[in-house]
Structure formats: structure tokens, C-alpha cells
Amino acid sequence: MPTILVTNDDGIQSPGLFALKTALDAIADVIVMAPERNWSASSHIKTMHKPLRVHKVTLPDGSVGYSSSGSPTDCVTLVMGGVLGIKPDLVVSGINAGHNIGIDITYSGTVACAMEAVIKGVPGIAVSTCYAVPAEFDAEIVRKTTAEFARGVAVRVLDTGCHPHTAQPQRPLCGA
């Protein structure tokens, strides 16, 4: 069974993170490592001049997850560097509490986690949804539906991989 790292930029207590973990449990061994607090709009920030801490946490279903004192991309780097003794086959970041569209992707911690996975040689997926769910919709149903959609994307990526041009450039992007 493949291993998937689930992370985010909204923090370990985010309901979107847990909805995503729950949906992906059906297809993989899921590891959860997320920041201990909200790091929305943190982009690809790295912790450089202070120690990073990792703590075990109990998730709503009683399973074990991990939180880090570092940024969202620190969480991916820690797992890919072996802090948990497992290297995932896929990183899925989200479910972000807010759209990541247009210029938002340039400062999204959610998107940065998927990018960090690719930098580390593993496919990454970023998943986002709206902040304010309209009154006629149930927020839990929106998260569950989004998580199920993400599961379908994850299955496809695990089965067939990503198109080479989505994972890394095939030629230098500028100059050289």
C-alpha cells in the first residue's frame, strides 16, 4: 500500500486536514504532519535560525499525527528528511480554508507544500476550497466532497504519475 503525507498551512487542528486524511485512509497509509498553528499566506518560508520541534498529537479519530513548530514547507522537509522514518510516495496538502487561485498561488503555504514535495522528488497535490460556505451548504459536506475529489486525483497520480512537465522543467527556464 502506498504512503501519503497529508499536510497543510492551516494547522494541525484544521477540519480540512482531517477530512482529507479520512478520505485518503481508504487508499493508502496516511501520515499527518502539519504546523502547530495557522501559517496561511506563508508561501515557501523556511525556518533557518531556530530549532524545529515535532510533537505527537491525537487526531479526532484517535490516530496519531504530528505537528511541527515550523512552517508548512518545514513539515514536508522534515518528513522527506526522515524524521518519522518513512518517505511518502505522494504529498497531499490541504484542504485549504480558502481559494488558491490566480495570484494567490504565489503566497499559498498549501501550494508551497506540494511544490516542496516535487523539489524533494515526490509528486505533490494542493487542495483548496472556499472560506465561507454559503448558508445553503453544509461546511462538513463541502469538505467531505472536496476530500473525495482529492482522493480520486491521488489515485490517478499514484497509478499513472504526473505529466513530466508538471513535475519539473525539461529545460532551463531562463538563460543557460
N, C-alpha and C. Protein backbone atom coordinates (compact mmCIF):
# COMPACT_ATOMS: atom_id res chain seq x y z
N MET A 1 0.86 -1.18 0.00
CA MET A 1 0.00 0.00 0.00
C MET A 1 0.90 1.24 0.00
N PRO A 2 0.57 2.24 -0.81
CA PRO A 2 1.39 3.46 -0.84
C PRO A 2 1.25 4.25 0.46
N THR A 3 2.19 5.15 0.65
CA THR A 3 2.17 6.05 1.81
C THR A 3 1.97 7.47 1.31
N ILE A 4 1.03 8.18 1.95
CA ILE A 4 0.75 9.57 1.60
C ILE A 4 0.98 10.43 2.83
N LEU A 5 1.71 11.52 2.64
CA LEU A 5 1.84 12.55 3.67
C LEU A 5 0.73 13.57 3.44
N VAL A 6 -0.05 13.83 4.48
CA VAL A 6 -1.06 14.88 4.45
C VAL A 6 -0.55 16.02 5.32
N THR A 7 -0.57 17.22 4.77
CA THR A 7 -0.10 18.41 5.46
C THR A 7 -0.96 19.58 5.05
N ASN A 8 -0.66 20.76 5.57
CA ASN A 8 -1.42 21.96 5.19
C ASN A 8 -0.71 23.21 5.67
N ASP A 9 -1.35 24.36 5.48
CA ASP A 9 -0.83 25.61 6.06
C ASP A 9 -1.80 26.18 7.08
N ASP A 10 -2.92 25.52 7.30
CA ASP A 10 -3.93 25.99 8.26
C ASP A 10 -3.73 25.45 9.67
N GLY A 11 -2.83 24.51 9.84
CA GLY A 11 -2.53 23.98 11.16
C GLY A 11 -3.12 22.60 11.42
N ILE A 12 -2.57 21.94 12.40
CA ILE A 12 -2.93 20.55 12.72
C ILE A 12 -4.39 20.40 13.12
N GLN A 13 -5.01 21.46 13.65
CA GLN A 13 -6.40 21.37 14.11
C GLN A 13 -7.43 21.66 13.01
N SER A 14 -6.98 21.90 11.80
CA SER A 14 -7.89 22.26 10.72
C SER A 14 -8.84 21.11 10.36
N PRO A 15 -10.15 21.39 10.28
CA PRO A 15 -11.08 20.34 9.88
C PRO A 15 -10.84 19.85 8.45
N GLY A 16 -10.30 20.71 7.58
CA GLY A 16 -10.00 20.29 6.22
C GLY A 16 -8.89 19.26 6.17
N LEU A 17 -7.90 19.40 7.04
CA LEU A 17 -6.80 18.43 7.13
C LEU A 17 -7.35 17.06 7.50
N PHE A 18 -8.22 17.03 8.50
CA PHE A 18 -8.76 15.75 8.95
C PHE A 18 -9.68 15.13 7.91
N ALA A 19 -10.48 15.94 7.22
CA ALA A 19 -11.35 15.41 6.16
C ALA A 19 -10.50 14.77 5.06
N LEU A 20 -9.41 15.41 4.71
CA LEU A 20 -8.51 14.88 3.69
C LEU A 20 -7.88 13.57 4.15
N LYS A 21 -7.38 13.55 5.37
CA LYS A 21 -6.78 12.33 5.94
C LYS A 21 -7.79 11.17 5.91
N THR A 22 -9.02 11.46 6.32
CA THR A 22 -10.05 10.42 6.38
C THR A 22 -10.33 9.84 4.99
N ALA A 23 -10.43 10.69 3.98
CA ALA A 23 -10.69 10.22 2.61
C ALA A 23 -9.52 9.40 2.07
N LEU A 24 -8.30 9.82 2.37
CA LEU A 24 -7.12 9.13 1.83
C LEU A 24 -6.80 7.83 2.58
N ASP A 25 -7.31 7.67 3.79
CA ASP A 25 -7.12 6.42 4.55
C ASP A 25 -7.60 5.20 3.76
N ALA A 26 -8.57 5.40 2.88
CA ALA A 26 -9.13 4.29 2.10
C ALA A 26 -8.18 3.77 1.03
N ILE A 27 -7.16 4.57 0.67
CA ILE A 27 -6.29 4.16 -0.45
C ILE A 27 -4.81 4.04 -0.08
N ALA A 28 -4.45 4.44 1.15
CA ALA A 28 -3.03 4.50 1.47
C ALA A 28 -2.81 4.49 2.98
N ASP A 29 -1.56 4.25 3.35
CA ASP A 29 -1.13 4.51 4.72
C ASP A 29 -0.89 6.01 4.78
N VAL A 30 -1.58 6.69 5.67
CA VAL A 30 -1.53 8.15 5.72
C VAL A 30 -0.73 8.61 6.94
N ILE A 31 0.23 9.49 6.68
CA ILE A 31 1.00 10.15 7.73
C ILE A 31 0.50 11.60 7.75
N VAL A 32 0.27 12.13 8.92
CA VAL A 32 -0.12 13.53 9.04
C VAL A 32 0.98 14.29 9.77
N MET A 33 1.49 15.34 9.13
CA MET A 33 2.45 16.26 9.75
C MET A 33 2.05 17.65 9.28
N ALA A 34 1.63 18.48 10.22
CA ALA A 34 1.18 19.83 9.89
C ALA A 34 1.70 20.81 10.93
N PRO A 35 1.72 22.08 10.59
CA PRO A 35 2.18 23.08 11.56
C PRO A 35 1.29 23.11 12.79
N GLU A 36 1.87 23.46 13.92
CA GLU A 36 1.09 23.52 15.16
C GLU A 36 0.15 24.72 15.19
N ARG A 37 0.34 25.67 14.26
CA ARG A 37 -0.54 26.84 14.19
C ARG A 37 -0.80 27.18 12.73
N ASN A 38 -1.70 28.12 12.52
CA ASN A 38 -2.04 28.56 11.18
C ASN A 38 -0.89 29.37 10.58
N TRP A 39 -0.49 28.99 9.35
CA TRP A 39 0.57 29.69 8.61
C TRP A 39 0.04 30.16 7.25
N SER A 40 -1.23 30.49 7.16
CA SER A 40 -1.80 30.92 5.88
C SER A 40 -1.00 32.05 5.27
N ALA A 41 -0.86 32.02 3.96
CA ALA A 41 -0.14 33.03 3.17
C ALA A 41 1.34 33.10 3.52
N SER A 42 1.90 31.98 3.95
CA SER A 42 3.32 31.94 4.33
C SER A 42 4.25 31.66 3.16
N SER A 43 3.68 31.30 2.03
CA SER A 43 4.46 30.99 0.85
C SER A 43 5.44 29.84 1.15
N HIS A 44 6.65 29.94 0.67
CA HIS A 44 7.64 28.85 0.78
C HIS A 44 8.68 29.16 1.86
N ILE A 45 8.23 29.77 2.94
CA ILE A 45 9.12 30.17 4.03
C ILE A 45 9.77 28.94 4.68
N LYS A 46 11.01 29.09 5.09
CA LYS A 46 11.76 28.03 5.78
C LYS A 46 12.25 28.57 7.12
N THR A 47 12.27 27.71 8.11
CA THR A 47 12.83 28.07 9.41
C THR A 47 14.33 27.85 9.35
N MET A 48 15.07 28.91 9.63
CA MET A 48 16.53 28.83 9.46
C MET A 48 17.32 29.01 10.75
N HIS A 49 16.84 29.79 11.70
CA HIS A 49 17.70 30.19 12.82
C HIS A 49 17.13 29.82 14.18
N LYS A 50 16.31 28.79 14.22
CA LYS A 50 15.83 28.29 15.49
C LYS A 50 15.49 26.82 15.33
N PRO A 51 15.49 26.08 16.43
CA PRO A 51 15.22 24.65 16.34
C PRO A 51 13.77 24.37 15.91
N LEU A 52 13.59 23.29 15.20
CA LEU A 52 12.26 22.81 14.86
C LEU A 52 11.87 21.73 15.86
N ARG A 53 10.65 21.76 16.30
CA ARG A 53 10.14 20.76 17.24
C ARG A 53 9.04 19.96 16.55
N VAL A 54 8.98 18.68 16.85
CA VAL A 54 7.92 17.80 16.34
C VAL A 54 7.25 17.16 17.55
N HIS A 55 5.91 17.20 17.54
CA HIS A 55 5.14 16.64 18.65
C HIS A 55 4.10 15.66 18.13
N LYS A 56 3.91 14.56 18.85
CA LYS A 56 2.81 13.65 18.56
C LYS A 56 1.51 14.31 18.99
N VAL A 57 0.49 14.14 18.17
CA VAL A 57 -0.84 14.63 18.51
C VAL A 57 -1.85 13.53 18.25
N THR A 58 -2.96 13.58 18.94
CA THR A 58 -4.04 12.64 18.70
C THR A 58 -5.06 13.32 17.81
N LEU A 59 -5.34 12.70 16.67
CA LEU A 59 -6.30 13.24 15.71
C LEU A 59 -7.72 12.87 16.15
N PRO A 60 -8.74 13.52 15.59
CA PRO A 60 -10.12 13.27 16.02
C PRO A 60 -10.57 11.81 15.97
N ASP A 61 -9.98 10.99 15.10
CA ASP A 61 -10.35 9.58 15.03
C ASP A 61 -9.52 8.71 15.97
N GLY A 62 -8.66 9.33 16.79
CA GLY A 62 -7.82 8.59 17.73
C GLY A 62 -6.47 8.19 17.18
N SER A 63 -6.25 8.41 15.88
CA SER A 63 -4.97 8.04 15.28
C SER A 63 -3.90 9.08 15.64
N VAL A 64 -2.65 8.71 15.39
CA VAL A 64 -1.53 9.59 15.71
C VAL A 64 -1.19 10.45 14.51
N GLY A 65 -0.95 11.71 14.76
CA GLY A 65 -0.43 12.64 13.78
C GLY A 65 0.73 13.37 14.42
N TYR A 66 1.32 14.28 13.68
CA TYR A 66 2.46 15.04 14.19
C TYR A 66 2.28 16.50 13.84
N SER A 67 2.69 17.35 14.77
CA SER A 67 2.72 18.78 14.50
C SER A 67 4.15 19.25 14.61
N SER A 68 4.43 20.34 13.93
CA SER A 68 5.76 20.92 13.95
C SER A 68 5.66 22.39 14.31
N SER A 69 6.70 22.87 14.99
CA SER A 69 6.78 24.30 15.29
C SER A 69 7.15 25.10 14.04
N GLY A 70 7.52 24.43 12.98
CA GLY A 70 7.96 25.08 11.76
C GLY A 70 6.83 25.40 10.80
N SER A 71 7.25 25.90 9.66
CA SER A 71 6.33 26.31 8.60
C SER A 71 5.74 25.10 7.88
N PRO A 72 4.75 25.32 7.02
CA PRO A 72 4.20 24.21 6.23
C PRO A 72 5.28 23.45 5.43
N THR A 73 6.15 24.19 4.74
CA THR A 73 7.18 23.50 3.95
C THR A 73 8.21 22.83 4.84
N ASP A 74 8.42 23.35 6.06
CA ASP A 74 9.28 22.64 7.01
C ASP A 74 8.71 21.26 7.31
N CYS A 75 7.39 21.17 7.42
CA CYS A 75 6.76 19.87 7.70
C CYS A 75 7.09 18.85 6.62
N VAL A 76 6.97 19.27 5.36
CA VAL A 76 7.30 18.37 4.25
C VAL A 76 8.78 18.01 4.29
N THR A 77 9.64 18.98 4.49
CA THR A 77 11.08 18.76 4.54
C THR A 77 11.45 17.80 5.67
N LEU A 78 10.84 17.96 6.83
CA LEU A 78 11.13 17.08 7.96
C LEU A 78 10.79 15.63 7.63
N VAL A 79 9.60 15.42 7.07
CA VAL A 79 9.21 14.04 6.73
C VAL A 79 10.09 13.48 5.63
N MET A 80 10.34 14.27 4.58
CA MET A 80 11.18 13.79 3.48
C MET A 80 12.62 13.55 3.94
N GLY A 81 13.05 14.27 4.97
CA GLY A 81 14.39 14.10 5.52
C GLY A 81 14.51 12.93 6.49
N GLY A 82 13.40 12.27 6.79
CA GLY A 82 13.46 11.05 7.59
C GLY A 82 13.10 11.18 9.05
N VAL A 83 12.58 12.32 9.49
CA VAL A 83 12.30 12.49 10.91
C VAL A 83 11.30 11.45 11.44
N LEU A 84 10.42 10.96 10.59
CA LEU A 84 9.47 9.93 11.01
C LEU A 84 9.86 8.53 10.53
N GLY A 85 10.97 8.43 9.81
CA GLY A 85 11.44 7.13 9.35
C GLY A 85 10.68 6.57 8.16
N ILE A 86 9.88 7.39 7.51
CA ILE A 86 9.06 6.94 6.37
C ILE A 86 9.14 8.01 5.28
N LYS A 87 9.36 7.58 4.04
CA LYS A 87 9.31 8.52 2.92
C LYS A 87 8.02 8.25 2.15
N PRO A 88 7.17 9.27 2.03
CA PRO A 88 5.90 9.05 1.35
C PRO A 88 6.07 8.92 -0.17
N ASP A 89 5.07 8.31 -0.78
CA ASP A 89 5.01 8.19 -2.23
C ASP A 89 4.31 9.39 -2.87
N LEU A 90 3.58 10.14 -2.04
CA LEU A 90 2.80 11.28 -2.51
C LEU A 90 2.59 12.22 -1.33
N VAL A 91 2.58 13.52 -1.61
CA VAL A 91 2.22 14.52 -0.61
C VAL A 91 0.94 15.21 -1.07
N VAL A 92 -0.05 15.26 -0.17
CA VAL A 92 -1.29 15.95 -0.46
C VAL A 92 -1.46 17.03 0.60
N SER A 93 -1.55 18.27 0.15
CA SER A 93 -1.61 19.42 1.04
C SER A 93 -3.01 20.02 1.00
N GLY A 94 -3.61 20.20 2.18
CA GLY A 94 -4.93 20.82 2.24
C GLY A 94 -5.77 20.18 3.34
N ILE A 95 -6.99 20.25 3.25
CA ILE A 95 -7.81 21.08 2.38
C ILE A 95 -7.72 22.51 2.90
N ASN A 96 -7.20 23.40 2.08
CA ASN A 96 -7.03 24.78 2.49
C ASN A 96 -8.37 25.46 2.70
N ALA A 97 -8.47 26.24 3.75
CA ALA A 97 -9.68 27.00 4.04
C ALA A 97 -9.63 28.30 3.25
N GLY A 98 -9.78 28.21 1.97
CA GLY A 98 -9.77 29.38 1.10
C GLY A 98 -9.25 29.02 -0.27
N HIS A 99 -9.70 29.76 -1.25
CA HIS A 99 -9.27 29.52 -2.63
C HIS A 99 -7.78 29.80 -2.79
N ASN A 100 -7.13 29.04 -3.60
CA ASN A 100 -5.77 29.33 -4.05
C ASN A 100 -5.83 29.39 -5.57
N ILE A 101 -6.19 30.56 -6.06
CA ILE A 101 -6.35 30.75 -7.50
C ILE A 101 -5.66 32.06 -7.89
N GLY A 102 -5.30 32.16 -9.15
CA GLY A 102 -4.68 33.38 -9.63
C GLY A 102 -3.40 33.69 -8.88
N ILE A 103 -3.24 34.93 -8.47
CA ILE A 103 -2.01 35.32 -7.79
C ILE A 103 -1.89 34.71 -6.40
N ASP A 104 -2.98 34.18 -5.84
CA ASP A 104 -2.93 33.55 -4.52
C ASP A 104 -1.90 32.42 -4.46
N ILE A 105 -1.69 31.75 -5.58
CA ILE A 105 -0.77 30.61 -5.53
C ILE A 105 0.65 31.03 -5.23
N THR A 106 0.98 32.30 -5.46
CA THR A 106 2.35 32.75 -5.21
C THR A 106 2.66 32.86 -3.72
N TYR A 107 1.67 33.02 -2.89
CA TYR A 107 1.93 33.11 -1.45
C TYR A 107 1.22 32.03 -0.65
N SER A 108 0.68 31.04 -1.29
CA SER A 108 -0.03 29.97 -0.61
C SER A 108 0.93 28.96 0.03
N GLY A 109 0.80 28.77 1.32
CA GLY A 109 1.55 27.72 2.00
C GLY A 109 1.09 26.34 1.56
N THR A 110 -0.19 26.22 1.23
CA THR A 110 -0.74 24.94 0.75
C THR A 110 -0.05 24.53 -0.55
N VAL A 111 0.01 25.44 -1.49
CA VAL A 111 0.68 25.16 -2.77
C VAL A 111 2.17 24.95 -2.55
N ALA A 112 2.78 25.72 -1.67
CA ALA A 112 4.22 25.56 -1.39
C ALA A 112 4.54 24.16 -0.88
N CYS A 113 3.65 23.56 -0.10
CA CYS A 113 3.89 22.19 0.38
C CYS A 113 3.95 21.21 -0.79
N ALA A 114 3.04 21.36 -1.75
CA ALA A 114 3.08 20.49 -2.94
C ALA A 114 4.35 20.74 -3.74
N MET A 115 4.74 22.00 -3.85
CA MET A 115 5.98 22.32 -4.56
C MET A 115 7.20 21.74 -3.85
N GLU A 116 7.22 21.80 -2.53
CA GLU A 116 8.34 21.24 -1.76
C GLU A 116 8.44 19.74 -1.98
N ALA A 117 7.30 19.06 -2.07
CA ALA A 117 7.32 17.62 -2.36
C ALA A 117 8.01 17.36 -3.69
N VAL A 118 7.64 18.12 -4.71
CA VAL A 118 8.23 17.94 -6.04
C VAL A 118 9.72 18.23 -5.99
N ILE A 119 10.13 19.27 -5.27
CA ILE A 119 11.55 19.57 -5.12
C ILE A 119 12.28 18.38 -4.51
N LYS A 120 11.61 17.69 -3.59
CA LYS A 120 12.20 16.53 -2.91
C LYS A 120 12.02 15.23 -3.70
N GLY A 121 11.44 15.31 -4.90
CA GLY A 121 11.35 14.15 -5.78
C GLY A 121 10.09 13.31 -5.63
N VAL A 122 9.05 13.85 -5.01
CA VAL A 122 7.79 13.12 -4.81
C VAL A 122 6.66 13.97 -5.38
N PRO A 123 5.68 13.37 -6.03
CA PRO A 123 4.55 14.16 -6.53
C PRO A 123 3.83 14.87 -5.39
N GLY A 124 3.32 16.05 -5.68
CA GLY A 124 2.57 16.82 -4.69
C GLY A 124 1.29 17.36 -5.27
N ILE A 125 0.25 17.36 -4.45
CA ILE A 125 -1.07 17.87 -4.83
C ILE A 125 -1.48 18.89 -3.78
N ALA A 126 -2.00 20.03 -4.22
CA ALA A 126 -2.55 21.04 -3.31
C ALA A 126 -4.06 21.09 -3.51
N VAL A 127 -4.80 21.11 -2.40
CA VAL A 127 -6.26 21.07 -2.44
C VAL A 127 -6.81 22.25 -1.64
N SER A 128 -7.70 23.00 -2.27
CA SER A 128 -8.29 24.17 -1.62
C SER A 128 -9.79 24.21 -1.85
N THR A 129 -10.49 24.93 -0.97
CA THR A 129 -11.91 25.17 -1.13
C THR A 129 -12.22 26.56 -0.59
N CYS A 130 -13.49 26.95 -0.62
CA CYS A 130 -13.84 28.32 -0.23
C CYS A 130 -13.79 28.53 1.29
N TYR A 131 -13.57 29.79 1.69
CA TYR A 131 -13.59 30.16 3.11
C TYR A 131 -14.99 30.09 3.67
N ALA A 132 -15.86 30.87 3.09
CA ALA A 132 -17.21 31.00 3.62
C ALA A 132 -18.15 30.14 2.78
N VAL A 133 -18.59 29.06 3.37
CA VAL A 133 -19.53 28.19 2.68
C VAL A 133 -20.91 28.86 2.73
N PRO A 134 -21.57 29.04 1.58
CA PRO A 134 -22.89 29.67 1.58
C PRO A 134 -23.85 28.95 2.54
N ALA A 135 -24.76 29.69 3.11
CA ALA A 135 -25.67 29.17 4.13
C ALA A 135 -26.44 27.93 3.66
N GLU A 136 -26.71 27.84 2.36
CA GLU A 136 -27.49 26.69 1.87
C GLU A 136 -26.66 25.40 1.78
N PHE A 137 -25.35 25.49 2.06
CA PHE A 137 -24.49 24.32 2.04
C PHE A 137 -23.99 24.00 3.44
N ASP A 138 -23.74 22.75 3.69
CA ASP A 138 -23.17 22.30 4.95
C ASP A 138 -21.65 22.23 4.79
N ALA A 139 -20.90 22.95 5.64
CA ALA A 139 -19.43 23.01 5.51
C ALA A 139 -18.80 21.62 5.58
N GLU A 140 -19.34 20.76 6.41
CA GLU A 140 -18.78 19.41 6.52
C GLU A 140 -18.97 18.63 5.22
N ILE A 141 -20.10 18.79 4.58
CA ILE A 141 -20.35 18.12 3.29
C ILE A 141 -19.42 18.68 2.22
N VAL A 142 -19.19 19.99 2.23
CA VAL A 142 -18.26 20.59 1.26
C VAL A 142 -16.87 20.01 1.47
N ARG A 143 -16.41 19.92 2.72
CA ARG A 143 -15.08 19.34 2.99
C ARG A 143 -15.03 17.88 2.57
N LYS A 144 -16.06 17.11 2.88
CA LYS A 144 -16.07 15.69 2.52
C LYS A 144 -16.05 15.50 1.00
N THR A 145 -16.85 16.28 0.29
CA THR A 145 -16.88 16.20 -1.17
C THR A 145 -15.53 16.58 -1.77
N THR A 146 -14.93 17.64 -1.24
CA THR A 146 -13.61 18.07 -1.70
C THR A 146 -12.58 16.98 -1.43
N ALA A 147 -12.63 16.36 -0.26
CA ALA A 147 -11.69 15.30 0.10
C ALA A 147 -11.86 14.08 -0.80
N GLU A 148 -13.09 13.75 -1.14
CA GLU A 148 -13.33 12.62 -2.04
C GLU A 148 -12.79 12.91 -3.44
N PHE A 149 -12.95 14.13 -3.91
CA PHE A 149 -12.38 14.53 -5.19
C PHE A 149 -10.85 14.41 -5.14
N ALA A 150 -10.26 14.90 -4.06
CA ALA A 150 -8.80 14.82 -3.90
C ALA A 150 -8.34 13.36 -3.88
N ARG A 151 -9.12 12.49 -3.26
CA ARG A 151 -8.78 11.06 -3.26
C ARG A 151 -8.71 10.53 -4.68
N GLY A 152 -9.65 10.92 -5.52
CA GLY A 152 -9.63 10.48 -6.92
C GLY A 152 -8.39 10.96 -7.66
N VAL A 153 -8.00 12.21 -7.42
CA VAL A 153 -6.78 12.74 -8.03
C VAL A 153 -5.57 11.96 -7.51
N ALA A 154 -5.54 11.70 -6.21
CA ALA A 154 -4.42 10.96 -5.61
C ALA A 154 -4.30 9.56 -6.21
N VAL A 155 -5.42 8.88 -6.39
CA VAL A 155 -5.40 7.55 -7.00
C VAL A 155 -4.79 7.62 -8.39
N ARG A 156 -5.21 8.61 -9.16
CA ARG A 156 -4.68 8.74 -10.52
C ARG A 156 -3.18 9.02 -10.51
N VAL A 157 -2.73 9.92 -9.64
CA VAL A 157 -1.30 10.23 -9.56
C VAL A 157 -0.51 9.01 -9.11
N LEU A 158 -1.02 8.28 -8.14
CA LEU A 158 -0.32 7.08 -7.67
C LEU A 158 -0.26 6.01 -8.77
N ASP A 159 -1.33 5.90 -9.56
CA ASP A 159 -1.39 4.88 -10.62
C ASP A 159 -0.57 5.25 -11.85
N THR A 160 -0.62 6.52 -12.26
CA THR A 160 -0.02 6.88 -13.54
C THR A 160 1.07 7.94 -13.44
N GLY A 161 1.26 8.52 -12.26
CA GLY A 161 2.25 9.58 -12.10
C GLY A 161 1.71 10.89 -12.66
N CYS A 162 2.56 11.89 -12.65
CA CYS A 162 2.21 13.21 -13.19
C CYS A 162 2.85 13.37 -14.56
N HIS A 163 2.25 14.19 -15.36
CA HIS A 163 2.87 14.54 -16.64
C HIS A 163 4.23 15.14 -16.33
N PRO A 164 5.27 14.78 -17.07
CA PRO A 164 6.61 15.27 -16.76
C PRO A 164 6.73 16.79 -16.66
N HIS A 165 5.95 17.52 -17.46
CA HIS A 165 6.04 18.98 -17.43
C HIS A 165 5.38 19.58 -16.19
N THR A 166 4.60 18.80 -15.45
CA THR A 166 4.01 19.31 -14.22
C THR A 166 4.93 19.09 -13.04
N ALA A 167 5.86 18.18 -13.15
CA ALA A 167 6.72 17.83 -12.02
C ALA A 167 8.01 18.64 -11.98
N GLN A 168 8.67 18.82 -13.10
CA GLN A 168 9.90 19.59 -13.13
C GLN A 168 10.19 20.00 -14.56
N PRO A 169 10.87 21.11 -14.73
CA PRO A 169 11.16 21.59 -16.09
C PRO A 169 12.02 20.60 -16.87
N GLN A 170 11.76 20.50 -18.16
CA GLN A 170 12.54 19.63 -19.02
C GLN A 170 13.75 20.38 -19.62
N ARG A 171 13.77 21.70 -19.51
CA ARG A 171 14.87 22.50 -20.00
C ARG A 171 15.00 23.70 -19.06
N PRO A 172 16.13 24.39 -19.08
CA PRO A 172 16.27 25.56 -18.22
C PRO A 172 15.15 26.57 -18.46
N LEU A 173 14.68 27.19 -17.39
CA LEU A 173 13.60 28.15 -17.51
C LEU A 173 14.06 29.49 -18.06
N CYS A 174 15.33 29.83 -17.85
CA CYS A 174 15.83 31.09 -18.40
C CYS A 174 17.34 30.99 -18.58
N GLY A 175 17.84 31.75 -19.53
CA GLY A 175 19.29 31.79 -19.76
C GLY A 175 19.88 30.42 -20.05
N ALA A 176 21.01 30.18 -19.47
CA ALA A 176 21.81 28.95 -19.56
C ALA A 176 21.33 28.01 -20.59
